[in-house]
Amino acid sequence: MSTERRKRLFFVLAVVLTVSVMAAVTGRGIERLRTAEEKSGQYRTQVARLRQSLQMQSQSASRRQQLEDQMKIARARFYPPGEIDPYSFGTMVRKRLAAEGMRVIRYQVVEIKGRSGLEFTVSGPIRSLVLFLKEVSESQKYWSMTSLTLTMREGISVVEAVFRIGYEELAS
């Protein structure tokens, strides 16, 4: 074989090898690009889920704070244990009834659902009783009225009422 021919064959071999290596490298690059695009799609989905999760987390933290604030407000409406007793509560109720123009005929401490409460018998104008009941329902602290019996005589605007009333303590 002549040198010229050998050189040509060697050149052709070198070109074929170069083209083969470049084809292999290009194929591997295309495969890596396809894999990267798939992972990119997966990562975009994960990022969207994480953003949604973070938004929900901030919403739930906000909602939690709202609920804690509501709990504080609700707890403030209960009497702390030992702050009040049936006798001081009775004095407070009698003063409020008197302030509304109601006359206390009788009152006594009774058991209401296993707790001490008060039973009052009062007399006075119906308007005064309504104002007292409004005051009870709008009280800063929780008061419970478990029964109410009204007696009215025809033609008289005076009402006689018997009711059981208690206060709500926060369980310790």
N, C-alpha and C. Protein backbone atom coordinates (compact mmCIF):
# COMPACT_ATOMS: atom_id res chain seq x y z
N MET A 1 0.83 -1.17 0.00
CA MET A 1 0.00 0.00 0.00
C MET A 1 0.87 1.23 0.00
N SER A 2 0.36 2.17 -0.74
CA SER A 2 1.14 3.38 -0.84
C SER A 2 0.86 4.29 0.34
N THR A 3 1.78 5.12 0.60
CA THR A 3 1.65 6.05 1.72
C THR A 3 0.51 7.02 1.52
N GLU A 4 0.33 7.35 0.30
CA GLU A 4 -0.75 8.28 0.01
C GLU A 4 -2.09 7.63 0.34
N ARG A 5 -2.23 6.41 -0.02
CA ARG A 5 -3.47 5.71 0.24
C ARG A 5 -3.63 5.50 1.74
N ARG A 6 -2.57 5.17 2.42
CA ARG A 6 -2.61 4.99 3.86
C ARG A 6 -3.04 6.28 4.55
N LYS A 7 -2.50 7.36 4.09
CA LYS A 7 -2.87 8.66 4.67
C LYS A 7 -4.34 8.94 4.48
N ARG A 8 -4.85 8.63 3.26
CA ARG A 8 -6.26 8.85 2.99
C ARG A 8 -7.13 7.95 3.87
N LEU A 9 -6.76 6.70 4.01
CA LEU A 9 -7.52 5.78 4.85
C LEU A 9 -7.45 6.22 6.32
N PHE A 10 -6.28 6.64 6.71
CA PHE A 10 -6.12 7.12 8.08
C PHE A 10 -6.97 8.39 8.30
N PHE A 11 -7.01 9.26 7.30
CA PHE A 11 -7.83 10.47 7.38
C PHE A 11 -9.31 10.09 7.45
N VAL A 12 -9.76 9.16 6.61
CA VAL A 12 -11.14 8.71 6.59
C VAL A 12 -11.47 8.08 7.95
N LEU A 13 -10.55 7.27 8.46
CA LEU A 13 -10.76 6.65 9.76
C LEU A 13 -10.89 7.71 10.85
N ALA A 14 -10.05 8.71 10.78
CA ALA A 14 -10.10 9.79 11.77
C ALA A 14 -11.42 10.54 11.65
N VAL A 15 -11.90 10.81 10.45
CA VAL A 15 -13.16 11.51 10.25
C VAL A 15 -14.31 10.65 10.76
N VAL A 16 -14.28 9.37 10.45
CA VAL A 16 -15.34 8.47 10.90
C VAL A 16 -15.34 8.40 12.43
N LEU A 17 -14.18 8.27 13.02
CA LEU A 17 -14.09 8.25 14.48
C LEU A 17 -14.58 9.56 15.08
N THR A 18 -14.22 10.66 14.51
CA THR A 18 -14.65 11.96 15.01
C THR A 18 -16.16 12.09 14.91
N VAL A 19 -16.72 11.70 13.77
CA VAL A 19 -18.16 11.78 13.58
C VAL A 19 -18.86 10.83 14.56
N SER A 20 -18.32 9.66 14.78
CA SER A 20 -18.92 8.70 15.72
C SER A 20 -18.89 9.24 17.14
N VAL A 21 -17.75 9.78 17.54
CA VAL A 21 -17.64 10.34 18.89
C VAL A 21 -18.60 11.51 19.04
N MET A 22 -18.67 12.37 18.02
CA MET A 22 -19.58 13.52 18.10
C MET A 22 -21.04 13.06 18.13
N ALA A 23 -21.38 12.01 17.39
CA ALA A 23 -22.74 11.49 17.39
C ALA A 23 -23.07 10.92 18.78
N ALA A 24 -22.11 10.22 19.37
CA ALA A 24 -22.33 9.65 20.71
C ALA A 24 -22.48 10.76 21.74
N VAL A 25 -21.62 11.77 21.66
CA VAL A 25 -21.70 12.90 22.60
C VAL A 25 -23.00 13.65 22.40
N THR A 26 -23.42 13.88 21.18
CA THR A 26 -24.67 14.59 20.89
C THR A 26 -25.86 13.77 21.40
N GLY A 27 -25.84 12.47 21.17
CA GLY A 27 -26.92 11.60 21.65
C GLY A 27 -27.01 11.63 23.17
N ARG A 28 -25.85 11.56 23.80
CA ARG A 28 -25.83 11.63 25.28
C ARG A 28 -26.32 13.00 25.76
N GLY A 29 -25.95 14.06 25.08
CA GLY A 29 -26.41 15.41 25.44
C GLY A 29 -27.91 15.55 25.27
N ILE A 30 -28.44 15.00 24.18
CA ILE A 30 -29.88 15.05 23.94
C ILE A 30 -30.62 14.27 25.04
N GLU A 31 -30.06 13.10 25.41
CA GLU A 31 -30.67 12.31 26.48
C GLU A 31 -30.65 13.07 27.81
N ARG A 32 -29.53 13.72 28.13
CA ARG A 32 -29.43 14.50 29.36
C ARG A 32 -30.39 15.70 29.32
N LEU A 33 -30.54 16.33 28.16
CA LEU A 33 -31.46 17.45 28.01
C LEU A 33 -32.90 17.00 28.24
N ARG A 34 -33.27 15.83 27.68
CA ARG A 34 -34.62 15.30 27.85
C ARG A 34 -34.87 15.00 29.34
N THR A 35 -33.90 14.40 30.01
CA THR A 35 -34.02 14.11 31.45
C THR A 35 -34.14 15.40 32.25
N ALA A 36 -33.37 16.39 31.89
CA ALA A 36 -33.42 17.69 32.59
C ALA A 36 -34.79 18.34 32.40
N GLU A 37 -35.36 18.25 31.21
CA GLU A 37 -36.68 18.83 30.96
C GLU A 37 -37.75 18.10 31.78
N GLU A 38 -37.65 16.79 31.91
CA GLU A 38 -38.60 16.03 32.72
C GLU A 38 -38.50 16.46 34.19
N LYS A 39 -37.26 16.53 34.68
CA LYS A 39 -37.05 16.93 36.07
C LYS A 39 -37.50 18.37 36.29
N SER A 40 -37.29 19.21 35.30
CA SER A 40 -37.73 20.60 35.41
C SER A 40 -39.25 20.66 35.58
N GLY A 41 -39.97 19.85 34.82
CA GLY A 41 -41.43 19.78 34.97
C GLY A 41 -41.83 19.29 36.35
N GLN A 42 -41.12 18.27 36.84
CA GLN A 42 -41.40 17.75 38.17
C GLN A 42 -41.11 18.82 39.23
N TYR A 43 -40.02 19.54 39.08
CA TYR A 43 -39.66 20.58 40.05
C TYR A 43 -40.67 21.72 40.03
N ARG A 44 -41.15 22.08 38.82
CA ARG A 44 -42.17 23.12 38.74
C ARG A 44 -43.43 22.70 39.49
N THR A 45 -43.82 21.44 39.32
CA THR A 45 -44.99 20.92 40.03
C THR A 45 -44.75 20.97 41.54
N GLN A 46 -43.56 20.57 41.98
CA GLN A 46 -43.24 20.60 43.41
C GLN A 46 -43.24 22.03 43.95
N VAL A 47 -42.69 22.95 43.18
CA VAL A 47 -42.67 24.35 43.59
C VAL A 47 -44.10 24.87 43.73
N ALA A 48 -44.96 24.52 42.78
CA ALA A 48 -46.37 24.96 42.86
C ALA A 48 -47.03 24.39 44.11
N ARG A 49 -46.77 23.09 44.39
CA ARG A 49 -47.34 22.48 45.59
C ARG A 49 -46.80 23.14 46.86
N LEU A 50 -45.51 23.42 46.88
CA LEU A 50 -44.91 24.08 48.05
C LEU A 50 -45.49 25.48 48.26
N ARG A 51 -45.66 26.22 47.18
CA ARG A 51 -46.26 27.56 47.31
C ARG A 51 -47.68 27.46 47.86
N GLN A 52 -48.43 26.50 47.34
CA GLN A 52 -49.80 26.30 47.83
C GLN A 52 -49.77 25.89 49.29
N SER A 53 -48.85 25.01 49.64
CA SER A 53 -48.72 24.57 51.04
C SER A 53 -48.33 25.73 51.95
N LEU A 54 -47.41 26.56 51.50
CA LEU A 54 -46.99 27.72 52.29
C LEU A 54 -48.15 28.69 52.47
N GLN A 55 -48.92 28.88 51.40
CA GLN A 55 -50.09 29.76 51.49
C GLN A 55 -51.10 29.19 52.47
N MET A 56 -51.34 27.88 52.40
CA MET A 56 -52.27 27.25 53.32
C MET A 56 -51.72 27.31 54.75
N GLN A 57 -50.42 27.17 54.88
CA GLN A 57 -49.80 27.22 56.20
C GLN A 57 -49.96 28.62 56.80
N SER A 58 -49.78 29.64 55.99
CA SER A 58 -49.96 31.00 56.51
C SER A 58 -51.43 31.26 56.82
N GLN A 59 -52.32 30.71 56.00
CA GLN A 59 -53.75 30.85 56.28
C GLN A 59 -54.12 30.13 57.56
N SER A 60 -53.56 28.92 57.75
CA SER A 60 -53.91 28.18 58.97
C SER A 60 -53.27 28.84 60.18
N ALA A 61 -52.10 29.45 60.04
CA ALA A 61 -51.51 30.18 61.17
C ALA A 61 -52.38 31.39 61.51
N SER A 62 -52.87 32.05 60.48
CA SER A 62 -53.76 33.19 60.70
C SER A 62 -55.06 32.74 61.36
N ARG A 63 -55.61 31.64 60.87
CA ARG A 63 -56.85 31.10 61.44
C ARG A 63 -56.63 30.65 62.88
N ARG A 64 -55.48 30.05 63.13
CA ARG A 64 -55.15 29.62 64.49
C ARG A 64 -55.10 30.82 65.43
N GLN A 65 -54.48 31.90 64.97
CA GLN A 65 -54.39 33.11 65.79
C GLN A 65 -55.78 33.67 66.07
N GLN A 66 -56.65 33.65 65.05
CA GLN A 66 -58.03 34.12 65.24
C GLN A 66 -58.74 33.28 66.28
N LEU A 67 -58.57 31.96 66.19
CA LEU A 67 -59.22 31.07 67.15
C LEU A 67 -58.67 31.27 68.57
N GLU A 68 -57.36 31.48 68.68
CA GLU A 68 -56.78 31.74 70.00
C GLU A 68 -57.32 33.05 70.58
N ASP A 69 -57.46 34.06 69.73
CA ASP A 69 -58.03 35.33 70.20
C ASP A 69 -59.47 35.15 70.65
N GLN A 70 -60.24 34.37 69.88
CA GLN A 70 -61.62 34.10 70.26
C GLN A 70 -61.68 33.34 71.59
N MET A 71 -60.74 32.40 71.77
CA MET A 71 -60.70 31.65 73.04
C MET A 71 -60.39 32.58 74.21
N LYS A 72 -59.48 33.51 74.02
CA LYS A 72 -59.16 34.46 75.09
C LYS A 72 -60.38 35.30 75.45
N ILE A 73 -61.10 35.75 74.43
CA ILE A 73 -62.30 36.55 74.67
C ILE A 73 -63.34 35.71 75.40
N ALA A 74 -63.53 34.47 74.95
CA ALA A 74 -64.52 33.60 75.59
C ALA A 74 -64.12 33.29 77.04
N ARG A 75 -62.85 33.02 77.27
CA ARG A 75 -62.38 32.73 78.64
C ARG A 75 -62.56 33.94 79.55
N ALA A 76 -62.41 35.13 79.00
CA ALA A 76 -62.55 36.34 79.82
C ALA A 76 -63.99 36.50 80.30
N ARG A 77 -64.94 35.86 79.63
CA ARG A 77 -66.34 35.99 80.03
C ARG A 77 -66.71 35.05 81.18
N PHE A 78 -65.86 34.08 81.48
CA PHE A 78 -66.10 33.19 82.61
C PHE A 78 -65.48 33.80 83.86
N TYR A 79 -66.06 33.48 85.01
CA TYR A 79 -65.46 33.88 86.27
C TYR A 79 -64.33 32.89 86.58
N PRO A 80 -63.15 33.41 86.95
CA PRO A 80 -62.09 32.49 87.38
C PRO A 80 -62.50 31.78 88.67
N PRO A 81 -62.05 30.55 88.88
CA PRO A 81 -62.43 29.84 90.11
C PRO A 81 -62.05 30.66 91.35
N GLY A 82 -63.00 30.77 92.26
CA GLY A 82 -62.76 31.48 93.51
C GLY A 82 -62.96 32.98 93.45
N GLU A 83 -63.21 33.54 92.26
CA GLU A 83 -63.39 35.00 92.17
C GLU A 83 -64.72 35.43 92.78
N ILE A 84 -65.72 34.57 92.66
CA ILE A 84 -67.06 34.93 93.14
C ILE A 84 -67.67 33.71 93.82
N ASP A 85 -68.56 33.96 94.77
CA ASP A 85 -69.28 32.88 95.44
C ASP A 85 -70.77 33.19 95.34
N PRO A 86 -71.62 32.23 95.68
CA PRO A 86 -73.07 32.45 95.54
C PRO A 86 -73.58 33.66 96.33
N TYR A 87 -72.99 33.95 97.46
CA TYR A 87 -73.49 35.05 98.29
C TYR A 87 -73.14 36.41 97.69
N SER A 88 -71.89 36.57 97.22
CA SER A 88 -71.55 37.84 96.58
C SER A 88 -72.27 37.99 95.24
N PHE A 89 -72.49 36.87 94.54
CA PHE A 89 -73.26 36.92 93.31
C PHE A 89 -74.70 37.34 93.61
N GLY A 90 -75.27 36.79 94.68
CA GLY A 90 -76.63 37.17 95.08
C GLY A 90 -76.73 38.64 95.39
N THR A 91 -75.74 39.19 96.07
CA THR A 91 -75.72 40.62 96.37
C THR A 91 -75.70 41.44 95.08
N MET A 92 -74.87 41.00 94.14
CA MET A 92 -74.77 41.72 92.86
C MET A 92 -76.12 41.68 92.12
N VAL A 93 -76.77 40.52 92.09
CA VAL A 93 -78.05 40.39 91.39
C VAL A 93 -79.11 41.24 92.08
N ARG A 94 -79.16 41.22 93.41
CA ARG A 94 -80.15 42.04 94.14
C ARG A 94 -79.95 43.51 93.84
N LYS A 95 -78.70 43.98 93.79
CA LYS A 95 -78.43 45.39 93.48
C LYS A 95 -78.92 45.74 92.07
N ARG A 96 -78.68 44.85 91.12
CA ARG A 96 -79.11 45.13 89.75
C ARG A 96 -80.64 45.11 89.64
N LEU A 97 -81.28 44.20 90.35
CA LEU A 97 -82.74 44.17 90.35
C LEU A 97 -83.29 45.46 90.97
N ALA A 98 -82.71 45.88 92.08
CA ALA A 98 -83.16 47.11 92.74
C ALA A 98 -82.92 48.32 91.85
N ALA A 99 -81.79 48.34 91.13
CA ALA A 99 -81.49 49.46 90.23
C ALA A 99 -82.51 49.55 89.11
N GLU A 100 -83.09 48.42 88.72
CA GLU A 100 -84.11 48.41 87.66
C GLU A 100 -85.51 48.63 88.22
N GLY A 101 -85.65 48.72 89.53
CA GLY A 101 -86.96 48.99 90.12
C GLY A 101 -87.73 47.73 90.50
N MET A 102 -87.06 46.61 90.61
CA MET A 102 -87.69 45.36 91.00
C MET A 102 -87.51 45.17 92.52
N ARG A 103 -88.54 44.61 93.14
CA ARG A 103 -88.49 44.35 94.58
C ARG A 103 -88.25 42.86 94.77
N VAL A 104 -87.20 42.52 95.56
CA VAL A 104 -86.89 41.12 95.85
C VAL A 104 -87.77 40.67 97.00
N ILE A 105 -88.62 39.71 96.74
CA ILE A 105 -89.51 39.17 97.77
C ILE A 105 -88.77 38.08 98.56
N ARG A 106 -88.06 37.25 97.83
CA ARG A 106 -87.35 36.15 98.48
C ARG A 106 -86.23 35.70 97.56
N TYR A 107 -85.13 35.25 98.18
CA TYR A 107 -84.11 34.57 97.38
C TYR A 107 -83.41 33.56 98.26
N GLN A 108 -82.91 32.50 97.59
CA GLN A 108 -82.23 31.45 98.34
C GLN A 108 -81.20 30.79 97.43
N VAL A 109 -80.22 30.18 98.07
CA VAL A 109 -79.20 29.43 97.35
C VAL A 109 -79.77 28.04 97.08
N VAL A 110 -79.67 27.58 95.83
CA VAL A 110 -80.16 26.26 95.43
C VAL A 110 -79.09 25.56 94.61
N GLU A 111 -79.25 24.27 94.46
CA GLU A 111 -78.35 23.49 93.61
C GLU A 111 -78.91 23.49 92.19
N ILE A 112 -78.11 23.95 91.24
CA ILE A 112 -78.49 23.95 89.83
C ILE A 112 -77.47 23.11 89.09
N LYS A 113 -77.87 21.95 88.62
CA LYS A 113 -76.99 21.05 87.88
C LYS A 113 -75.69 20.76 88.65
N GLY A 114 -75.83 20.50 89.93
CA GLY A 114 -74.66 20.15 90.74
C GLY A 114 -73.83 21.34 91.19
N ARG A 115 -74.27 22.54 90.87
CA ARG A 115 -73.55 23.75 91.30
C ARG A 115 -74.51 24.64 92.05
N SER A 116 -73.93 25.50 92.87
CA SER A 116 -74.77 26.44 93.61
C SER A 116 -75.26 27.53 92.69
N GLY A 117 -76.52 27.86 92.84
CA GLY A 117 -77.13 28.95 92.10
C GLY A 117 -78.11 29.66 93.02
N LEU A 118 -78.85 30.57 92.47
CA LEU A 118 -79.79 31.35 93.28
C LEU A 118 -81.18 31.26 92.67
N GLU A 119 -82.17 31.24 93.56
CA GLU A 119 -83.56 31.31 93.12
C GLU A 119 -84.16 32.58 93.70
N PHE A 120 -84.66 33.43 92.83
CA PHE A 120 -85.23 34.71 93.23
C PHE A 120 -86.73 34.72 92.97
N THR A 121 -87.46 35.37 93.86
CA THR A 121 -88.84 35.73 93.63
C THR A 121 -88.88 37.24 93.71
N VAL A 122 -89.29 37.87 92.59
CA VAL A 122 -89.27 39.33 92.51
C VAL A 122 -90.62 39.84 92.03
N SER A 123 -90.83 41.13 92.26
CA SER A 123 -92.07 41.77 91.84
C SER A 123 -91.73 43.17 91.35
N GLY A 124 -92.43 43.62 90.32
CA GLY A 124 -92.19 44.97 89.81
C GLY A 124 -92.76 45.14 88.43
N PRO A 125 -92.52 46.31 87.84
CA PRO A 125 -93.01 46.59 86.48
C PRO A 125 -92.40 45.62 85.46
N ILE A 126 -93.19 45.22 84.50
CA ILE A 126 -92.71 44.29 83.47
C ILE A 126 -91.53 44.87 82.71
N ARG A 127 -91.56 46.17 82.47
CA ARG A 127 -90.46 46.84 81.77
C ARG A 127 -89.16 46.68 82.54
N SER A 128 -89.23 46.79 83.87
CA SER A 128 -88.03 46.63 84.70
C SER A 128 -87.47 45.22 84.60
N LEU A 129 -88.36 44.23 84.57
CA LEU A 129 -87.91 42.85 84.44
C LEU A 129 -87.25 42.64 83.08
N VAL A 130 -87.85 43.19 82.03
CA VAL A 130 -87.27 43.06 80.70
C VAL A 130 -85.89 43.71 80.65
N LEU A 131 -85.74 44.88 81.25
CA LEU A 131 -84.43 45.55 81.28
C LEU A 131 -83.42 44.71 82.06
N PHE A 132 -83.85 44.10 83.16
CA PHE A 132 -82.95 43.24 83.93
C PHE A 132 -82.53 42.04 83.09
N LEU A 133 -83.48 41.40 82.40
CA LEU A 133 -83.14 40.25 81.56
C LEU A 133 -82.20 40.63 80.43
N LYS A 134 -82.39 41.81 79.88
CA LYS A 134 -81.49 42.31 78.84
C LYS A 134 -80.08 42.47 79.42
N GLU A 135 -80.01 43.02 80.62
CA GLU A 135 -78.72 43.21 81.28
C GLU A 135 -78.04 41.86 81.53
N VAL A 136 -78.83 40.85 81.91
CA VAL A 136 -78.28 39.51 82.13
C VAL A 136 -77.70 38.96 80.83
N SER A 137 -78.44 39.10 79.73
CA SER A 137 -77.96 38.55 78.46
C SER A 137 -76.77 39.32 77.90
N GLU A 138 -76.63 40.58 78.25
CA GLU A 138 -75.51 41.38 77.74
C GLU A 138 -74.38 41.52 78.74
N SER A 139 -74.44 40.77 79.81
CA SER A 139 -73.44 40.85 80.87
C SER A 139 -72.04 40.54 80.34
N GLN A 140 -71.05 41.18 80.93
CA GLN A 140 -69.66 40.94 80.53
C GLN A 140 -69.24 39.51 80.87
N LYS A 141 -69.82 38.93 81.90
CA LYS A 141 -69.53 37.57 82.31
C LYS A 141 -70.74 36.69 81.99
N TYR A 142 -70.49 35.39 81.85
CA TYR A 142 -71.58 34.46 81.55
C TYR A 142 -72.44 34.22 82.79
N TRP A 143 -73.72 34.48 82.64
CA TRP A 143 -74.72 34.17 83.66
C TRP A 143 -75.67 33.17 83.01
N SER A 144 -76.12 32.22 83.79
CA SER A 144 -77.07 31.26 83.24
C SER A 144 -78.39 31.37 83.99
N MET A 145 -79.45 31.45 83.23
CA MET A 145 -80.78 31.49 83.82
C MET A 145 -81.46 30.20 83.39
N THR A 146 -81.62 29.28 84.35
CA THR A 146 -82.13 27.94 84.02
C THR A 146 -83.64 27.85 84.02
N SER A 147 -84.32 28.77 84.71
CA SER A 147 -85.78 28.76 84.67
C SER A 147 -86.32 30.15 84.95
N LEU A 148 -87.49 30.41 84.40
CA LEU A 148 -88.14 31.70 84.60
C LEU A 148 -89.65 31.45 84.54
N THR A 149 -90.34 31.84 85.62
CA THR A 149 -91.79 31.72 85.68
C THR A 149 -92.37 33.11 85.93
N LEU A 150 -93.31 33.53 85.10
CA LEU A 150 -93.93 34.85 85.23
C LEU A 150 -95.40 34.70 85.63
N THR A 151 -95.83 35.61 86.51
CA THR A 151 -97.24 35.67 86.88
C THR A 151 -97.66 37.12 86.73
N MET A 152 -98.71 37.33 85.91
CA MET A 152 -99.23 38.68 85.70
C MET A 152 -100.72 38.65 85.98
N ARG A 153 -101.19 39.71 86.57
CA ARG A 153 -102.63 39.83 86.80
C ARG A 153 -103.20 40.78 85.76
N GLU A 154 -104.37 40.48 85.33
CA GLU A 154 -105.01 41.27 84.27
C GLU A 154 -105.23 42.70 84.75
N GLY A 155 -104.86 43.63 83.88
CA GLY A 155 -105.10 45.04 84.15
C GLY A 155 -104.02 45.68 85.02
N ILE A 156 -103.06 44.92 85.46
CA ILE A 156 -101.99 45.48 86.30
C ILE A 156 -100.68 45.29 85.54
N SER A 157 -99.84 46.31 85.52
CA SER A 157 -98.57 46.21 84.79
C SER A 157 -97.45 45.68 85.69
N VAL A 158 -97.83 45.09 86.80
CA VAL A 158 -96.84 44.52 87.71
C VAL A 158 -96.75 43.02 87.43
N VAL A 159 -95.52 42.54 87.43
CA VAL A 159 -95.27 41.13 87.18
C VAL A 159 -94.60 40.53 88.41
N GLU A 160 -94.91 39.28 88.65
CA GLU A 160 -94.21 38.54 89.68
C GLU A 160 -93.41 37.48 88.93
N ALA A 161 -92.12 37.37 89.25
CA ALA A 161 -91.27 36.42 88.54
C ALA A 161 -90.49 35.57 89.54
N VAL A 162 -90.35 34.32 89.20
CA VAL A 162 -89.50 33.40 89.95
C VAL A 162 -88.48 32.87 88.94
N PHE A 163 -87.21 33.04 89.24
CA PHE A 163 -86.18 32.57 88.31
C PHE A 163 -84.99 32.01 89.05
N ARG A 164 -84.30 31.12 88.37
CA ARG A 164 -83.05 30.57 88.88
C ARG A 164 -81.93 31.12 88.02
N ILE A 165 -80.91 31.61 88.69
CA ILE A 165 -79.81 32.24 87.99
C ILE A 165 -78.49 31.77 88.62
N GLY A 166 -77.50 31.66 87.79
CA GLY A 166 -76.18 31.26 88.26
C GLY A 166 -75.11 31.93 87.42
N TYR A 167 -73.90 31.69 87.79
CA TYR A 167 -72.75 32.25 87.06
C TYR A 167 -71.88 31.11 86.59
N GLU A 168 -71.12 31.36 85.56
CA GLU A 168 -70.29 30.32 84.96
C GLU A 168 -68.82 30.55 85.33
N GLU A 169 -68.25 29.51 85.94
CA GLU A 169 -66.82 29.57 86.29
C GLU A 169 -66.01 28.79 85.26
N LEU A 170 -64.81 29.25 85.04
CA LEU A 170 -63.88 28.56 84.14
C LEU A 170 -63.34 27.35 84.90
N ALA A 171 -63.45 26.20 84.29
CA ALA A 171 -62.95 24.98 84.94
C ALA A 171 -61.43 25.07 85.06
N SER A 172 -60.93 24.67 86.19
CA SER A 172 -59.46 24.76 86.39
C SER A 172 -58.73 23.60 85.81
